[in-house]
Protein backbone atom coordinates (compact mmCIF):
# COMPACT_ATOMS: atom_id res chain seq x y z
CA MET A 1 -82.34 9.65 10.76
CA THR A 2 -82.28 10.95 14.09
CA LEU A 3 -80.51 14.17 14.94
CA PHE A 4 -78.37 12.51 16.95
CA THR A 5 -77.71 10.02 13.70
CA LEU A 6 -77.32 13.52 11.61
CA SER A 7 -74.47 14.99 14.72
CA GLN A 8 -72.64 12.08 14.71
CA ILE A 9 -71.88 11.98 10.68
CA LEU A 10 -70.90 15.60 10.24
CA VAL A 11 -68.66 15.18 13.14
CA GLY A 12 -67.27 12.20 11.02
CA ILE A 13 -66.81 14.69 8.31
CA ALA A 14 -65.56 17.47 10.40
CA ILE A 15 -62.95 14.74 11.82
CA CYS A 16 -61.57 14.55 8.27
CA THR A 17 -60.70 18.37 7.91
CA ASP A 18 -59.37 18.24 11.19
CA ILE A 19 -56.85 15.15 11.23
CA VAL A 20 -55.31 17.51 7.43
CA SER A 21 -55.37 20.57 9.26
CA PHE A 22 -52.52 20.20 11.55
CA GLN A 23 -50.67 18.39 8.73
CA PHE A 24 -49.96 21.76 6.91
CA LYS A 25 -47.30 24.46 8.00
CA LYS A 26 -48.87 27.69 6.43
CA LYS A 27 -50.99 29.41 9.09
CA ALA A 28 -53.04 29.71 6.13
CA HIS A 29 -53.78 26.12 5.47
CA ILE A 30 -54.79 25.51 8.78
CA VAL A 31 -57.18 28.01 9.42
CA CYS A 32 -59.08 27.28 6.22
CA CYS A 33 -59.70 23.80 7.30
CA LEU A 34 -60.52 25.03 10.46
CA LEU A 35 -63.22 27.08 9.34
CA ILE A 36 -65.21 24.36 7.93
CA SER A 37 -64.38 22.17 10.89
CA CYS A 38 -65.64 24.74 13.05
CA ILE A 39 -69.24 24.72 10.72
CA LEU A 40 -69.75 21.61 10.30
CA ILE A 41 -68.97 20.98 14.50
CA ALA A 42 -71.44 24.26 15.07
CA VAL A 43 -74.51 21.87 13.07
CA HIS A 44 -73.33 19.31 15.30
CA PHE A 45 -74.22 20.91 18.56
CA ALA A 46 -77.34 22.88 17.10
CA CYS A 47 -78.69 18.72 16.43
CA LEU A 48 -78.03 17.94 20.01
CA GLY A 49 -79.62 21.33 21.35
CA HIS A 50 -76.49 22.49 23.25
CA TRP A 51 -76.52 26.20 21.73
CA THR A 52 -73.93 27.56 23.90
CA ALA A 53 -71.14 25.28 21.62
CA ALA A 54 -73.68 25.67 18.14
CA LEU A 55 -73.30 29.40 18.77
CA LEU A 56 -69.78 29.63 19.62
CA GLY A 57 -68.93 27.10 17.14
CA MET A 58 -70.32 29.46 13.90
CA LEU A 59 -68.34 32.40 15.79
CA ALA A 60 -65.56 29.99 15.98
CA ALA A 61 -66.26 30.09 11.25
CA GLY A 62 -66.30 33.72 11.46
CA ARG A 63 -63.34 34.08 13.56
CA PHE A 64 -60.90 31.76 11.08
CA ALA A 65 -62.43 33.81 8.19
CA ILE A 66 -61.70 37.06 9.63
CA SER A 67 -58.00 35.63 11.16
CA LEU A 68 -56.91 34.58 7.77
CA PHE A 69 -56.64 38.37 7.16
CA THR A 70 -55.83 40.13 10.26
CA THR A 71 -54.23 39.35 13.55
CA SER A 72 -55.81 42.33 14.72
CA LYS A 73 -55.61 42.41 18.82
CA LEU A 74 -58.73 44.44 18.58
CA CYS A 75 -60.51 41.98 16.52
CA MET A 76 -59.18 39.59 19.02
CA ALA A 77 -60.61 41.28 21.81
CA LEU A 78 -63.77 41.31 19.50
CA PHE A 79 -63.97 37.66 19.26
CA ILE A 80 -63.54 36.95 22.81
CA SER A 81 -66.41 39.69 24.05
CA ALA A 82 -68.71 37.96 21.62
CA ALA A 83 -68.09 34.51 23.03
CA VAL A 84 -68.13 35.04 26.13
CA VAL A 85 -71.75 37.13 25.69
CA ALA A 86 -72.71 34.57 23.67
CA SER A 87 -72.03 31.85 26.50
CA LEU A 88 -73.59 33.84 29.40
CA LEU A 89 -76.92 34.32 26.97
CA THR A 90 -77.16 30.25 26.57
CA PHE A 91 -75.78 30.05 29.46
CA GLU A 92 -75.93 25.94 30.54
CA GLY A 93 -74.03 25.53 33.72
CA MET A 94 -70.56 23.69 33.17
CA LEU A 95 -70.88 22.92 29.45
CA SER A 96 -71.26 26.76 29.07
CA ILE A 97 -68.15 27.54 31.06
CA LEU A 98 -65.68 24.89 28.86
CA SER A 99 -66.89 25.79 25.78
CA CYS A 100 -66.27 29.68 26.56
CA SER A 101 -62.99 28.58 27.93
CA GLY A 102 -62.07 26.44 24.36
CA ALA A 103 -63.01 29.38 22.50
CA VAL A 104 -61.47 31.83 24.42
CA PHE A 105 -57.77 29.79 24.19
CA GLY A 106 -59.26 28.89 20.29
CA THR A 107 -59.89 32.41 19.56
CA ILE A 108 -56.18 33.89 21.15
CA ALA A 109 -54.25 30.92 18.57
CA SER A 110 -56.46 31.84 15.65
CA PHE A 111 -54.72 35.39 15.61
CA SER A 112 -51.36 34.48 16.79
CA ARG A 113 -48.81 35.56 14.02
CA GLU A 114 -46.79 32.73 13.98
CA ASP A 115 -48.08 28.77 13.37
CA LYS A 116 -45.71 27.24 16.48
CA GLN A 117 -47.86 29.71 18.96
CA LEU A 118 -51.08 28.48 17.26
CA ARG A 119 -50.51 25.13 17.70
CA ARG A 120 -49.79 25.03 21.51
CA LEU A 121 -52.78 27.54 22.22
CA MET A 122 -54.81 25.22 19.98
CA MET A 123 -53.64 22.36 22.29
CA VAL A 124 -55.46 23.52 25.18
CA ALA A 125 -58.47 25.26 23.67
CA THR A 126 -58.74 21.59 22.33
CA THR A 127 -58.70 20.08 26.32
CA PHE A 128 -61.39 22.18 27.01
CA TRP A 129 -63.78 21.24 24.02
CA LEU A 130 -62.44 17.85 24.46
CA ILE A 131 -64.03 17.45 28.47
CA HIS A 132 -67.16 19.39 27.70
CA ASN A 133 -67.93 17.12 24.85
CA PHE A 134 -67.66 14.16 26.99
CA LEU A 135 -69.71 15.59 29.18
CA ALA A 136 -72.14 16.60 26.26
CA GLY A 137 -72.61 12.84 25.63
CA SER A 138 -71.28 12.77 21.78
CA PRO A 139 -68.98 10.51 21.41
CA ALA A 140 -67.71 11.23 17.93
CA ALA A 141 -66.75 14.84 19.20
CA VAL A 142 -64.70 13.03 22.41
CA ILE A 143 -63.39 10.95 19.21
CA MET A 144 -62.97 14.22 16.90
CA GLU A 145 -61.27 15.85 19.75
CA CYS A 146 -58.66 13.34 20.80
CA ILE A 147 -57.88 12.70 16.66
CA PHE A 148 -57.41 16.79 16.86
CA LEU A 149 -55.52 16.68 19.39
CA GLY A 150 -52.82 14.31 18.26
CA SER A 151 -52.90 15.93 15.17
CA ASN A 152 -51.70 18.90 16.44
CA LEU A 153 -49.43 17.06 18.54
CA VAL A 154 -47.92 15.37 15.32
CA GLY A 155 -47.60 18.63 13.25
CA TYR A 156 -46.05 20.01 16.39
CA PHE A 157 -43.17 17.33 16.14
CA ARG A 158 -42.82 17.19 13.06
CA TYR A 159 -41.88 21.01 12.10
CA TYR A 160 -40.82 21.96 15.44
CA ILE A 161 -39.07 19.19 17.74
CA ARG A 162 -37.38 16.38 15.06
CA THR A 163 -35.03 17.98 13.21
CA PRO A 164 -34.90 16.29 9.68
CA ASN A 165 -31.38 14.62 10.38
CA ARG A 166 -32.60 12.95 13.03
CA ALA A 167 -35.71 11.67 11.06
CA PHE A 168 -33.57 8.88 8.87
CA GLY A 169 -30.87 8.67 11.60
CA LEU A 170 -28.42 11.04 9.65
């Protein structure tokens, strides 16, 4: 099995956790799914030799773990700083800029107090990662981000746009 094939299989598994993540209402459940997904995605990028994205993925897993226990703005600032430093140390041009932007928005989302704000900021982060994954040449990761964005939008609609009575024509 090639590293490329392995990377795409890992993303396939990550897709499952991403689909489930935004169908939960509680932030803790959403974040636990995202933590697992980040680890799989980080290994995926390491297999492809995209070290900025791999490092940012592992950093994101740590960020999600910490954000389960705190919404501290100091912790958020430390993770944003770490993302910028990691991106500079492994700079790959536009790919690093896109992944760093996604990481910054993802970090702000992770330390949000409310799941509504988390969802909105993750939509922005996902857009940066979608473009990154297209340019990085990972078709499974592009599909994953599209599904992730779609799942987030469905969850957002379910919890914040649709009223329960309208759903059944009542």
